[in-house]
Amino acid sequence: MSTTVNETTALSAATGTWVIDSAHTTLGFSARHAMVAKVRGHFEDFAGSFTIDGADPAASTAELTIQAASINTKSSDRDAHLKSADFLDVENFPTLTFTSTAVTVDRDAIIVTGDLTIHGVTRPVDVTYELVGVSQDPWGNTKIGFEGTAKISRKDFGLVWNAALETGGVLVGDEVTLSLDVEAGQQS
C-alpha cells in the first residue's frame, strides 16, 4: 500500500471530523432481477460520521446507521417484500450498521474496511472510496465528497429468499453492489 504526495496533501486538507449530510448523500444499491436486469434502490433515513487523520490515514474512523424501513426501490410492493421477514425483517432488525476497522490508501483509492451488520449478521466489508474534493459552500461551511463502491453477497447476511425461474436461474441475484455518494460537513 502506497501513498503518493498528492494523496497525502488531499487527505491533509480533509483532516477533521465530518457528519454525513443526508440531504446530499445517496446510499444506493443494485441487484440482478430475473437474471436479466438490475433493480436499483436506496435508503432514505441514515446518519453517520467519520474522522480523517490526513497524517496517519490508518487512524481514521467511520460509522453509519441506516434505518432498514427507509428502503426505496420505487415499487411499494417490492419495498414491502424487502422489509418483510423474507429479506430485511425490519421489525426484528430495524437498523443496518457499518463501523470501520481499518483505513488504507492505495494510489487514488481509500479503502475503508469495516463491520457491516444486516439482518443481525455482521461481516467484514471493504468499501473503496475516491475523494471527490473539499470545498466551502456560500455560507462558509466546509464540505467534503466521496464516491464509494462495494460488493456483498446477500446470502452472507442471511438474506436467502429466492424463487426459481422456469427458464433457469433465480429471481433475485446473490451479489449486491453498494454505491455510496457521500457529502459531509466538517465539525472540527
N, C-alpha and C. Protein backbone atom coordinates (compact mmCIF):
# COMPACT_ATOMS: atom_id res chain seq x y z
N MET A 1 0.84 -1.18 0.00
CA MET A 1 0.00 0.00 0.00
C MET A 1 0.88 1.24 0.00
N SER A 2 0.64 2.08 -0.93
CA SER A 2 1.47 3.25 -1.06
C SER A 2 0.62 4.51 -1.01
N THR A 3 1.23 5.56 -0.54
CA THR A 3 0.56 6.86 -0.51
C THR A 3 1.43 7.83 -1.29
N THR A 4 0.85 8.51 -2.26
CA THR A 4 1.62 9.47 -3.04
C THR A 4 1.53 10.84 -2.37
N VAL A 5 2.36 11.76 -2.82
CA VAL A 5 2.37 13.11 -2.26
C VAL A 5 1.00 13.76 -2.45
N ASN A 6 0.37 13.61 -3.63
CA ASN A 6 -0.93 14.24 -3.88
C ASN A 6 -2.01 13.70 -2.96
N GLU A 7 -2.01 12.38 -2.70
CA GLU A 7 -3.00 11.81 -1.80
C GLU A 7 -2.81 12.34 -0.39
N THR A 8 -1.56 12.39 0.05
CA THR A 8 -1.28 12.89 1.38
C THR A 8 -1.75 14.33 1.51
N THR A 9 -1.51 15.14 0.49
CA THR A 9 -1.95 16.53 0.50
C THR A 9 -3.47 16.62 0.55
N ALA A 10 -4.14 15.81 -0.28
CA ALA A 10 -5.61 15.83 -0.30
C ALA A 10 -6.18 15.38 1.03
N LEU A 11 -5.63 14.33 1.61
CA LEU A 11 -6.13 13.87 2.90
C LEU A 11 -5.80 14.86 4.02
N SER A 12 -4.68 15.54 3.91
CA SER A 12 -4.37 16.56 4.92
C SER A 12 -5.43 17.64 4.94
N ALA A 13 -5.90 18.05 3.75
CA ALA A 13 -6.96 19.06 3.66
C ALA A 13 -8.28 18.52 4.21
N ALA A 14 -8.42 17.19 4.26
CA ALA A 14 -9.66 16.57 4.74
C ALA A 14 -9.60 16.20 6.22
N THR A 15 -8.49 16.49 6.88
CA THR A 15 -8.35 16.13 8.29
C THR A 15 -9.44 16.79 9.12
N GLY A 16 -10.06 16.01 9.98
CA GLY A 16 -11.10 16.52 10.86
C GLY A 16 -12.24 15.53 11.02
N THR A 17 -13.26 15.98 11.72
CA THR A 17 -14.46 15.16 11.93
C THR A 17 -15.57 15.69 11.04
N TRP A 18 -16.26 14.79 10.38
CA TRP A 18 -17.26 15.12 9.37
C TRP A 18 -18.56 14.41 9.70
N VAL A 19 -19.68 15.09 9.50
CA VAL A 19 -21.01 14.49 9.70
C VAL A 19 -21.68 14.40 8.33
N ILE A 20 -22.19 13.22 8.02
CA ILE A 20 -22.82 12.99 6.72
C ILE A 20 -24.06 13.87 6.57
N ASP A 21 -24.15 14.53 5.44
CA ASP A 21 -25.29 15.38 5.09
C ASP A 21 -26.28 14.51 4.31
N SER A 22 -27.33 14.03 4.99
CA SER A 22 -28.25 13.08 4.36
C SER A 22 -29.03 13.69 3.19
N ALA A 23 -29.16 15.01 3.16
CA ALA A 23 -29.88 15.66 2.06
C ALA A 23 -29.06 15.67 0.77
N HIS A 24 -27.75 15.46 0.89
CA HIS A 24 -26.87 15.49 -0.27
C HIS A 24 -26.06 14.20 -0.42
N THR A 25 -26.56 13.13 0.16
CA THR A 25 -25.88 11.84 0.13
C THR A 25 -26.84 10.78 -0.38
N THR A 26 -26.34 9.86 -1.19
CA THR A 26 -27.14 8.73 -1.65
C THR A 26 -26.45 7.44 -1.25
N LEU A 27 -27.18 6.61 -0.51
CA LEU A 27 -26.70 5.28 -0.16
C LEU A 27 -27.50 4.30 -1.00
N GLY A 28 -26.94 3.95 -2.15
CA GLY A 28 -27.66 3.15 -3.13
C GLY A 28 -27.17 1.72 -3.21
N PHE A 29 -27.95 0.91 -3.91
CA PHE A 29 -27.61 -0.49 -4.12
C PHE A 29 -28.27 -0.96 -5.41
N SER A 30 -27.76 -2.07 -5.94
CA SER A 30 -28.40 -2.71 -7.09
C SER A 30 -28.19 -4.21 -6.97
N ALA A 31 -29.15 -4.97 -7.51
CA ALA A 31 -29.07 -6.42 -7.52
C ALA A 31 -29.74 -6.92 -8.79
N ARG A 32 -29.26 -8.03 -9.29
CA ARG A 32 -29.81 -8.62 -10.51
C ARG A 32 -31.21 -9.16 -10.24
N HIS A 33 -32.14 -8.90 -11.17
CA HIS A 33 -33.52 -9.36 -11.07
C HIS A 33 -33.86 -10.21 -12.29
N ALA A 34 -34.43 -11.39 -12.06
CA ALA A 34 -34.87 -12.30 -13.12
C ALA A 34 -33.74 -12.64 -14.09
N MET A 35 -32.51 -12.51 -13.64
CA MET A 35 -31.32 -12.85 -14.43
C MET A 35 -31.09 -11.92 -15.63
N VAL A 36 -31.91 -10.87 -15.79
CA VAL A 36 -31.79 -10.05 -17.00
C VAL A 36 -31.62 -8.55 -16.74
N ALA A 37 -32.00 -8.08 -15.59
CA ALA A 37 -31.94 -6.63 -15.34
C ALA A 37 -31.45 -6.38 -13.92
N LYS A 38 -31.13 -5.13 -13.64
CA LYS A 38 -30.75 -4.74 -12.28
C LYS A 38 -31.84 -3.88 -11.69
N VAL A 39 -32.18 -4.19 -10.45
CA VAL A 39 -33.09 -3.34 -9.68
C VAL A 39 -32.21 -2.45 -8.82
N ARG A 40 -32.51 -1.16 -8.83
CA ARG A 40 -31.75 -0.20 -8.04
C ARG A 40 -32.64 0.39 -6.95
N GLY A 41 -32.01 0.75 -5.87
CA GLY A 41 -32.74 1.37 -4.78
C GLY A 41 -31.79 2.16 -3.90
N HIS A 42 -32.34 2.71 -2.84
CA HIS A 42 -31.54 3.48 -1.89
C HIS A 42 -32.24 3.50 -0.55
N PHE A 43 -31.54 3.99 0.46
CA PHE A 43 -32.11 4.18 1.78
C PHE A 43 -32.28 5.68 2.00
N GLU A 44 -33.39 6.05 2.62
CA GLU A 44 -33.69 7.47 2.80
C GLU A 44 -33.39 8.01 4.19
N ASP A 45 -33.25 7.13 5.19
CA ASP A 45 -33.06 7.58 6.58
C ASP A 45 -31.78 6.96 7.13
N PHE A 46 -30.78 7.80 7.35
CA PHE A 46 -29.49 7.31 7.84
C PHE A 46 -28.74 8.46 8.50
N ALA A 47 -27.75 8.10 9.29
CA ALA A 47 -26.89 9.09 9.94
C ALA A 47 -25.51 8.47 10.10
N GLY A 48 -24.50 9.31 10.01
CA GLY A 48 -23.15 8.79 10.19
C GLY A 48 -22.13 9.90 10.27
N SER A 49 -20.94 9.52 10.64
CA SER A 49 -19.84 10.47 10.73
C SER A 49 -18.53 9.73 10.50
N PHE A 50 -17.50 10.51 10.22
CA PHE A 50 -16.18 9.93 10.08
C PHE A 50 -15.14 10.96 10.48
N THR A 51 -14.01 10.45 10.91
CA THR A 51 -12.88 11.29 11.29
C THR A 51 -11.71 10.90 10.41
N ILE A 52 -11.12 11.88 9.77
CA ILE A 52 -9.99 11.64 8.88
C ILE A 52 -8.73 12.19 9.53
N ASP A 53 -7.71 11.36 9.59
CA ASP A 53 -6.39 11.78 10.04
C ASP A 53 -5.50 11.78 8.80
N GLY A 54 -5.31 12.97 8.22
CA GLY A 54 -4.54 13.08 6.99
C GLY A 54 -3.09 12.68 7.13
N ALA A 55 -2.52 12.87 8.31
CA ALA A 55 -1.12 12.50 8.54
C ALA A 55 -0.96 11.00 8.73
N ASP A 56 -2.00 10.35 9.26
CA ASP A 56 -1.97 8.91 9.52
C ASP A 56 -3.33 8.32 9.15
N PRO A 57 -3.58 8.07 7.84
CA PRO A 57 -4.88 7.59 7.41
C PRO A 57 -5.38 6.35 8.16
N ALA A 58 -4.45 5.51 8.63
CA ALA A 58 -4.85 4.30 9.36
C ALA A 58 -5.56 4.64 10.67
N ALA A 59 -5.39 5.85 11.17
CA ALA A 59 -6.05 6.26 12.41
C ALA A 59 -7.44 6.84 12.15
N SER A 60 -7.86 6.89 10.89
CA SER A 60 -9.19 7.41 10.53
C SER A 60 -10.27 6.41 10.91
N THR A 61 -11.49 6.91 11.14
CA THR A 61 -12.61 6.05 11.54
C THR A 61 -13.89 6.50 10.84
N ALA A 62 -14.86 5.57 10.78
CA ALA A 62 -16.16 5.91 10.19
C ALA A 62 -17.24 5.05 10.83
N GLU A 63 -18.46 5.62 10.91
CA GLU A 63 -19.60 4.85 11.40
C GLU A 63 -20.86 5.33 10.69
N LEU A 64 -21.79 4.39 10.49
CA LEU A 64 -23.01 4.69 9.77
C LEU A 64 -24.13 3.82 10.31
N THR A 65 -25.31 4.42 10.49
CA THR A 65 -26.51 3.68 10.89
C THR A 65 -27.62 4.01 9.90
N ILE A 66 -28.22 2.96 9.33
CA ILE A 66 -29.28 3.11 8.34
C ILE A 66 -30.56 2.52 8.92
N GLN A 67 -31.67 3.22 8.77
CA GLN A 67 -32.97 2.70 9.17
C GLN A 67 -33.46 1.78 8.04
N ALA A 68 -33.56 0.49 8.33
CA ALA A 68 -33.89 -0.50 7.30
C ALA A 68 -35.23 -0.22 6.63
N ALA A 69 -36.20 0.27 7.38
CA ALA A 69 -37.53 0.52 6.83
C ALA A 69 -37.55 1.67 5.83
N SER A 70 -36.44 2.38 5.68
CA SER A 70 -36.39 3.51 4.74
C SER A 70 -35.98 3.08 3.34
N ILE A 71 -35.94 1.77 3.09
CA ILE A 71 -35.56 1.27 1.77
C ILE A 71 -36.56 1.75 0.72
N ASN A 72 -36.05 2.14 -0.46
CA ASN A 72 -36.91 2.65 -1.51
C ASN A 72 -36.38 2.17 -2.87
N THR A 73 -37.21 1.36 -3.56
CA THR A 73 -36.85 0.88 -4.89
C THR A 73 -37.85 1.36 -5.95
N LYS A 74 -38.67 2.33 -5.60
CA LYS A 74 -39.69 2.91 -6.48
C LYS A 74 -40.82 1.92 -6.79
N SER A 75 -40.99 0.91 -5.92
CA SER A 75 -42.09 -0.03 -6.05
C SER A 75 -42.58 -0.37 -4.65
N SER A 76 -43.77 0.09 -4.29
CA SER A 76 -44.25 -0.13 -2.92
C SER A 76 -44.41 -1.62 -2.60
N ASP A 77 -44.85 -2.43 -3.57
CA ASP A 77 -44.96 -3.88 -3.33
C ASP A 77 -43.59 -4.50 -3.08
N ARG A 78 -42.61 -4.16 -3.91
CA ARG A 78 -41.26 -4.70 -3.72
C ARG A 78 -40.67 -4.21 -2.41
N ASP A 79 -40.85 -2.93 -2.08
CA ASP A 79 -40.33 -2.39 -0.83
C ASP A 79 -40.94 -3.12 0.37
N ALA A 80 -42.24 -3.40 0.31
CA ALA A 80 -42.90 -4.13 1.40
C ALA A 80 -42.29 -5.53 1.53
N HIS A 81 -42.01 -6.19 0.41
CA HIS A 81 -41.40 -7.52 0.45
C HIS A 81 -39.99 -7.44 1.02
N LEU A 82 -39.22 -6.43 0.62
CA LEU A 82 -37.86 -6.27 1.14
C LEU A 82 -37.85 -5.97 2.64
N LYS A 83 -38.88 -5.33 3.15
CA LYS A 83 -38.99 -5.03 4.59
C LYS A 83 -39.46 -6.24 5.39
N SER A 84 -40.03 -7.23 4.71
CA SER A 84 -40.62 -8.39 5.38
C SER A 84 -39.55 -9.34 5.92
N ALA A 85 -40.01 -10.37 6.62
CA ALA A 85 -39.11 -11.39 7.17
C ALA A 85 -38.36 -12.15 6.08
N ASP A 86 -38.83 -12.12 4.82
CA ASP A 86 -38.12 -12.79 3.73
C ASP A 86 -36.76 -12.13 3.45
N PHE A 87 -36.64 -10.84 3.77
CA PHE A 87 -35.40 -10.11 3.49
C PHE A 87 -34.89 -9.39 4.73
N LEU A 88 -35.11 -8.09 4.84
CA LEU A 88 -34.51 -7.30 5.93
C LEU A 88 -35.16 -7.52 7.29
N ASP A 89 -36.41 -7.96 7.32
CA ASP A 89 -37.12 -8.20 8.58
C ASP A 89 -36.98 -6.99 9.51
N VAL A 90 -37.49 -5.86 9.04
CA VAL A 90 -37.28 -4.59 9.74
C VAL A 90 -37.89 -4.55 11.13
N GLU A 91 -38.89 -5.38 11.41
CA GLU A 91 -39.46 -5.40 12.76
C GLU A 91 -38.47 -5.94 13.78
N ASN A 92 -37.69 -6.94 13.38
CA ASN A 92 -36.71 -7.54 14.29
C ASN A 92 -35.31 -6.95 14.14
N PHE A 93 -35.01 -6.38 12.98
CA PHE A 93 -33.69 -5.81 12.70
C PHE A 93 -33.87 -4.43 12.09
N PRO A 94 -34.20 -3.42 12.91
CA PRO A 94 -34.57 -2.10 12.38
C PRO A 94 -33.42 -1.30 11.78
N THR A 95 -32.17 -1.68 12.04
CA THR A 95 -31.06 -0.89 11.51
C THR A 95 -30.04 -1.77 10.80
N LEU A 96 -29.34 -1.16 9.87
CA LEU A 96 -28.14 -1.70 9.26
C LEU A 96 -27.02 -0.79 9.76
N THR A 97 -25.88 -1.36 10.11
CA THR A 97 -24.80 -0.52 10.64
C THR A 97 -23.47 -0.87 9.97
N PHE A 98 -22.59 0.12 9.94
CA PHE A 98 -21.23 -0.07 9.47
C PHE A 98 -20.31 0.67 10.43
N THR A 99 -19.28 -0.04 10.91
CA THR A 99 -18.26 0.56 11.78
C THR A 99 -16.90 0.17 11.22
N SER A 100 -16.09 1.17 10.91
CA SER A 100 -14.79 0.89 10.31
C SER A 100 -13.87 0.17 11.29
N THR A 101 -12.99 -0.66 10.72
CA THR A 101 -11.97 -1.35 11.50
C THR A 101 -10.57 -1.04 10.98
N ALA A 102 -10.48 -0.54 9.74
CA ALA A 102 -9.18 -0.19 9.16
C ALA A 102 -9.39 0.76 7.99
N VAL A 103 -8.42 1.61 7.76
CA VAL A 103 -8.42 2.52 6.61
C VAL A 103 -7.03 2.47 5.99
N THR A 104 -7.00 2.22 4.67
CA THR A 104 -5.73 2.21 3.96
C THR A 104 -5.87 3.07 2.71
N VAL A 105 -4.74 3.53 2.20
CA VAL A 105 -4.71 4.31 0.97
C VAL A 105 -3.83 3.57 -0.02
N ASP A 106 -4.35 3.36 -1.22
CA ASP A 106 -3.60 2.69 -2.28
C ASP A 106 -3.81 3.49 -3.56
N ARG A 107 -2.82 4.28 -3.92
CA ARG A 107 -2.88 5.17 -5.08
C ARG A 107 -4.04 6.15 -4.90
N ASP A 108 -5.04 6.12 -5.81
CA ASP A 108 -6.16 7.04 -5.72
C ASP A 108 -7.31 6.51 -4.88
N ALA A 109 -7.17 5.30 -4.35
CA ALA A 109 -8.27 4.66 -3.62
C ALA A 109 -8.05 4.74 -2.10
N ILE A 110 -9.13 5.01 -1.43
CA ILE A 110 -9.15 4.94 0.03
C ILE A 110 -10.03 3.74 0.35
N ILE A 111 -9.44 2.72 0.98
CA ILE A 111 -10.18 1.50 1.29
C ILE A 111 -10.55 1.53 2.76
N VAL A 112 -11.86 1.56 3.00
CA VAL A 112 -12.36 1.55 4.38
C VAL A 112 -12.91 0.15 4.62
N THR A 113 -12.25 -0.58 5.49
CA THR A 113 -12.69 -1.91 5.89
C THR A 113 -13.49 -1.75 7.17
N GLY A 114 -14.59 -2.49 7.24
CA GLY A 114 -15.39 -2.36 8.44
C GLY A 114 -16.36 -3.50 8.62
N ASP A 115 -17.03 -3.50 9.76
CA ASP A 115 -18.04 -4.49 10.09
C ASP A 115 -19.40 -3.97 9.65
N LEU A 116 -19.99 -4.66 8.67
CA LEU A 116 -21.32 -4.33 8.17
C LEU A 116 -22.30 -5.31 8.79
N THR A 117 -23.36 -4.77 9.41
CA THR A 117 -24.38 -5.61 10.02
C THR A 117 -25.69 -5.40 9.29
N ILE A 118 -26.21 -6.50 8.74
CA ILE A 118 -27.50 -6.52 8.05
C ILE A 118 -28.25 -7.73 8.57
N HIS A 119 -29.51 -7.55 8.94
CA HIS A 119 -30.35 -8.69 9.34
C HIS A 119 -29.75 -9.41 10.55
N GLY A 120 -29.04 -8.65 11.40
CA GLY A 120 -28.45 -9.21 12.61
C GLY A 120 -27.16 -9.98 12.38
N VAL A 121 -26.64 -9.99 11.15
CA VAL A 121 -25.41 -10.71 10.82
C VAL A 121 -24.33 -9.69 10.49
N THR A 122 -23.16 -9.86 11.10
CA THR A 122 -22.05 -8.95 10.88
C THR A 122 -20.95 -9.64 10.08
N ARG A 123 -20.51 -8.96 9.03
CA ARG A 123 -19.44 -9.47 8.17
C ARG A 123 -18.49 -8.32 7.83
N PRO A 124 -17.20 -8.63 7.62
CA PRO A 124 -16.27 -7.58 7.17
C PRO A 124 -16.51 -7.24 5.71
N VAL A 125 -16.42 -5.95 5.39
CA VAL A 125 -16.62 -5.46 4.03
C VAL A 125 -15.58 -4.39 3.74
N ASP A 126 -15.04 -4.42 2.53
CA ASP A 126 -14.14 -3.36 2.05
C ASP A 126 -14.94 -2.44 1.16
N VAL A 127 -14.93 -1.15 1.48
CA VAL A 127 -15.56 -0.14 0.63
C VAL A 127 -14.44 0.70 0.04
N THR A 128 -14.39 0.77 -1.28
CA THR A 128 -13.34 1.54 -1.96
C THR A 128 -13.91 2.91 -2.32
N TYR A 129 -13.27 3.95 -1.78
CA TYR A 129 -13.71 5.32 -1.98
C TYR A 129 -12.71 6.10 -2.81
N GLU A 130 -13.24 7.11 -3.49
CA GLU A 130 -12.42 8.13 -4.13
C GLU A 130 -12.80 9.46 -3.51
N LEU A 131 -11.82 10.21 -3.08
CA LEU A 131 -12.07 11.56 -2.57
C LEU A 131 -12.39 12.46 -3.74
N VAL A 132 -13.61 13.01 -3.77
CA VAL A 132 -14.03 13.89 -4.86
C VAL A 132 -13.47 15.29 -4.65
N GLY A 133 -13.49 15.74 -3.40
CA GLY A 133 -12.93 17.05 -3.11
C GLY A 133 -13.40 17.63 -1.80
N VAL A 134 -12.78 18.75 -1.44
CA VAL A 134 -13.14 19.52 -0.26
C VAL A 134 -13.40 20.94 -0.74
N SER A 135 -14.52 21.54 -0.29
CA SER A 135 -14.83 22.90 -0.72
C SER A 135 -15.58 23.63 0.38
N GLN A 136 -15.80 24.91 0.14
CA GLN A 136 -16.56 25.71 1.07
C GLN A 136 -17.83 26.19 0.37
N ASP A 137 -18.99 25.99 1.03
CA ASP A 137 -20.24 26.43 0.42
C ASP A 137 -20.42 27.94 0.60
N PRO A 138 -21.46 28.55 0.00
CA PRO A 138 -21.64 30.00 0.08
C PRO A 138 -21.88 30.53 1.49
N TRP A 139 -22.17 29.65 2.45
CA TRP A 139 -22.43 30.07 3.83
C TRP A 139 -21.23 29.86 4.73
N GLY A 140 -20.10 29.50 4.13
CA GLY A 140 -18.87 29.34 4.90
C GLY A 140 -18.66 27.97 5.52
N ASN A 141 -19.49 26.99 5.16
CA ASN A 141 -19.36 25.64 5.70
C ASN A 141 -18.42 24.82 4.82
N THR A 142 -17.51 24.08 5.45
CA THR A 142 -16.60 23.24 4.71
C THR A 142 -17.27 21.90 4.44
N LYS A 143 -17.24 21.48 3.18
CA LYS A 143 -17.88 20.23 2.73
C LYS A 143 -16.83 19.32 2.11
N ILE A 144 -17.11 18.02 2.18
CA ILE A 144 -16.24 17.02 1.57
C ILE A 144 -17.12 16.03 0.81
N GLY A 145 -16.58 15.48 -0.27
CA GLY A 145 -17.33 14.50 -1.05
C GLY A 145 -16.50 13.26 -1.33
N PHE A 146 -17.15 12.11 -1.23
CA PHE A 146 -16.54 10.83 -1.55
C PHE A 146 -17.51 10.02 -2.39
N GLU A 147 -16.98 9.21 -3.30
CA GLU A 147 -17.77 8.23 -4.01
C GLU A 147 -17.18 6.87 -3.70
N GLY A 148 -18.05 5.91 -3.32
CA GLY A 148 -17.56 4.60 -2.93
C GLY A 148 -18.38 3.47 -3.49
N THR A 149 -17.75 2.30 -3.58
CA THR A 149 -18.44 1.10 -4.03
C THR A 149 -17.97 -0.11 -3.23
N ALA A 150 -18.85 -1.09 -3.16
CA ALA A 150 -18.52 -2.38 -2.55
C ALA A 150 -19.47 -3.41 -3.12
N LYS A 151 -19.07 -4.65 -3.08
CA LYS A 151 -19.94 -5.75 -3.49
C LYS A 151 -20.05 -6.70 -2.31
N ILE A 152 -21.29 -7.13 -2.05
CA ILE A 152 -21.52 -8.08 -0.97
C ILE A 152 -22.41 -9.21 -1.48
N SER A 153 -22.36 -10.32 -0.79
CA SER A 153 -23.27 -11.43 -1.04
C SER A 153 -24.40 -11.33 -0.04
N ARG A 154 -25.64 -11.24 -0.53
CA ARG A 154 -26.76 -11.12 0.40
C ARG A 154 -26.91 -12.38 1.24
N LYS A 155 -26.50 -13.55 0.69
CA LYS A 155 -26.58 -14.80 1.45
C LYS A 155 -25.66 -14.77 2.67
N ASP A 156 -24.54 -14.05 2.57
CA ASP A 156 -23.62 -13.92 3.71
C ASP A 156 -24.30 -13.26 4.90
N PHE A 157 -25.38 -12.53 4.65
CA PHE A 157 -26.10 -11.82 5.71
C PHE A 157 -27.43 -12.50 6.04
N GLY A 158 -27.60 -13.73 5.60
CA GLY A 158 -28.82 -14.49 5.92
C GLY A 158 -30.02 -14.11 5.07
N LEU A 159 -29.80 -13.38 3.97
CA LEU A 159 -30.89 -12.98 3.08
C LEU A 159 -30.95 -13.99 1.94
N VAL A 160 -31.65 -15.09 2.17
CA VAL A 160 -31.59 -16.23 1.26
C VAL A 160 -32.86 -16.47 0.46
N TRP A 161 -33.91 -15.68 0.69
CA TRP A 161 -35.16 -15.91 -0.04
C TRP A 161 -34.90 -15.81 -1.54
N ASN A 162 -35.56 -16.70 -2.30
CA ASN A 162 -35.47 -16.63 -3.75
C ASN A 162 -36.59 -17.45 -4.37
N ALA A 163 -36.72 -17.36 -5.66
CA ALA A 163 -37.69 -18.15 -6.42
C ALA A 163 -37.03 -18.59 -7.71
N ALA A 164 -37.24 -19.86 -8.06
CA ALA A 164 -36.67 -20.39 -9.30
C ALA A 164 -37.46 -19.87 -10.49
N LEU A 165 -36.77 -19.65 -11.59
CA LEU A 165 -37.41 -19.22 -12.83
C LEU A 165 -37.61 -20.43 -13.74
N GLU A 166 -38.69 -20.45 -14.48
CA GLU A 166 -38.96 -21.55 -15.41
C GLU A 166 -37.88 -21.68 -16.47
N THR A 167 -37.26 -20.57 -16.82
CA THR A 167 -36.22 -20.56 -17.85
C THR A 167 -34.84 -20.87 -17.29
N GLY A 168 -34.77 -21.14 -16.00
CA GLY A 168 -33.49 -21.39 -15.33
C GLY A 168 -33.04 -20.17 -14.57
N GLY A 169 -32.27 -20.39 -13.56
CA GLY A 169 -31.79 -19.29 -12.74
C GLY A 169 -32.78 -18.94 -11.64
N VAL A 170 -32.57 -17.79 -11.03
CA VAL A 170 -33.39 -17.37 -9.90
C VAL A 170 -33.88 -15.94 -10.08
N LEU A 171 -34.88 -15.59 -9.31
CA LEU A 171 -35.48 -14.27 -9.41
C LEU A 171 -34.55 -13.17 -8.91
N VAL A 172 -33.85 -13.41 -7.78
CA VAL A 172 -33.02 -12.38 -7.16
C VAL A 172 -31.57 -12.85 -7.13
N GLY A 173 -30.68 -12.07 -7.73
CA GLY A 173 -29.26 -12.40 -7.71
C GLY A 173 -28.68 -12.29 -6.31
N ASP A 174 -27.61 -13.03 -6.07
CA ASP A 174 -26.96 -13.01 -4.75
C ASP A 174 -26.11 -11.76 -4.55
N GLU A 175 -25.41 -11.32 -5.60
CA GLU A 175 -24.49 -10.20 -5.45
C GLU A 175 -25.24 -8.88 -5.41
N VAL A 176 -24.92 -8.06 -4.42
CA VAL A 176 -25.49 -6.72 -4.29
C VAL A 176 -24.33 -5.73 -4.39
N THR A 177 -24.49 -4.77 -5.28
CA THR A 177 -23.49 -3.72 -5.43
C THR A 177 -23.95 -2.50 -4.65
N LEU A 178 -23.10 -2.03 -3.75
CA LEU A 178 -23.38 -0.82 -2.97
C LEU A 178 -22.70 0.35 -3.67
N SER A 179 -23.42 1.45 -3.81
CA SER A 179 -22.85 2.66 -4.41
C SER A 179 -23.16 3.83 -3.48
N LEU A 180 -22.11 4.46 -3.01
CA LEU A 180 -22.24 5.49 -1.99
C LEU A 180 -21.70 6.81 -2.53
N ASP A 181 -22.56 7.81 -2.53
CA ASP A 181 -22.19 9.15 -2.98
C ASP A 181 -22.39 10.05 -1.76
N VAL A 182 -21.29 10.36 -1.08
CA VAL A 182 -21.35 10.96 0.25
C VAL A 182 -20.89 12.41 0.24
N GLU A 183 -21.70 13.28 0.84
CA GLU A 183 -21.28 14.65 1.14
C GLU A 183 -21.39 14.80 2.66
N ALA A 184 -20.40 15.45 3.23
CA ALA A 184 -20.41 15.64 4.69
C ALA A 184 -19.91 17.04 5.03
N GLY A 185 -20.33 17.51 6.18
CA GLY A 185 -19.91 18.82 6.67
C GLY A 185 -18.91 18.67 7.79
N GLN A 186 -17.90 19.53 7.80
CA GLN A 186 -16.86 19.45 8.81
C GLN A 186 -17.38 19.96 10.16
N GLN A 187 -17.05 19.19 11.20
CA GLN A 187 -17.46 19.53 12.56
C GLN A 187 -16.32 20.08 13.39
N SER A 188 -15.12 19.60 13.13
CA SER A 188 -13.95 20.11 13.89
C SER A 188 -12.68 19.94 13.12
